[in-house]
Amino acid sequence: MKKNQIIWHRLDNLMYNIKQCAEKITHMNIAGLSPSDMEATPAQLAHLRGGTRNAGPLDA
């Protein structure tokens, strides 16, 4: 690969990773979490998964 191709490939990967992070933060905000929250309640986790089922021991 030429040096330019490598740089563009890495830039594409970086942009993809930034987009993924932005989507996660957006979903956290929709669920009422801020990106600084380290722990989510079982109800918030269920919301992130798109469901509203009762929380089980694995949800904590």
Protein backbone atom coordinates (compact mmCIF):
# COMPACT_ATOMS: atom_id res chain seq x y z
CA MET A 1 0.00 0.00 0.00
CA LYS A 2 1.14 3.50 -0.71
CA LYS A 3 1.59 5.84 2.24
CA ASN A 4 -1.45 7.91 1.14
CA GLN A 5 -3.64 4.80 1.01
CA ILE A 6 -2.56 3.80 4.52
CA ILE A 7 -3.32 7.28 5.86
CA TRP A 8 -6.78 7.33 4.25
CA HIS A 9 -7.51 3.83 5.53
CA ARG A 10 -6.58 4.84 9.08
CA LEU A 11 -8.64 8.01 8.77
CA ASP A 12 -11.65 5.96 7.64
CA ASN A 13 -11.22 3.67 10.66
CA LEU A 14 -10.93 6.65 12.99
CA MET A 15 -14.06 8.27 11.57
CA TYR A 16 -15.96 4.98 11.92
CA ASN A 17 -14.87 4.68 15.58
CA ILE A 18 -15.91 8.28 16.30
CA LYS A 19 -19.31 7.62 14.71
CA GLN A 20 -19.79 4.49 16.85
CA CYS A 21 -18.94 6.42 20.03
CA ALA A 22 -21.30 9.24 19.09
CA GLU A 23 -24.12 6.75 18.54
CA LYS A 24 -23.51 5.15 21.95
CA ILE A 25 -23.51 8.55 23.66
CA THR A 26 -26.72 9.49 21.83
CA HIS A 27 -28.41 6.29 23.02
CA MET A 28 -27.20 6.96 26.57
CA ASN A 29 -28.70 10.46 26.44
CA ILE A 30 -32.02 9.10 25.16
CA ALA A 31 -32.06 6.68 28.10
CA GLY A 32 -31.45 9.52 30.53
CA LEU A 33 -27.79 8.77 31.13
CA SER A 34 -24.94 11.17 30.75
CA PRO A 35 -21.65 9.92 29.27
CA SER A 36 -20.02 10.45 32.68
CA ASP A 37 -22.37 7.96 34.38
CA MET A 38 -20.45 4.80 35.10
CA GLU A 39 -23.42 2.69 36.15
CA ALA A 40 -26.87 2.36 34.67
CA THR A 41 -29.97 1.19 36.50
CA PRO A 42 -31.59 -2.03 35.24
CA ALA A 43 -34.43 0.04 33.76
CA GLN A 44 -31.98 2.20 31.83
CA LEU A 45 -30.14 -0.88 30.57
CA ALA A 46 -33.42 -2.37 29.37
CA HIS A 47 -34.18 0.91 27.58
CA LEU A 48 -30.77 0.84 25.89
CA ARG A 49 -31.52 -2.68 24.65
CA GLY A 50 -34.81 -1.44 23.28
CA GLY A 51 -36.90 -3.47 25.69
CA THR A 52 -38.85 -2.83 28.84
CA ARG A 53 -38.67 -6.28 30.39
CA ASN A 54 -38.21 -6.78 34.12
CA ALA A 55 -34.61 -6.61 35.23
CA GLY A 56 -32.88 -9.82 36.24
CA PRO A 57 -29.68 -10.46 38.20
CA LEU A 58 -27.56 -10.12 35.04
CA ASP A 59 -28.85 -6.59 34.43
CA ALA A 60 -27.22 -5.03 37.49
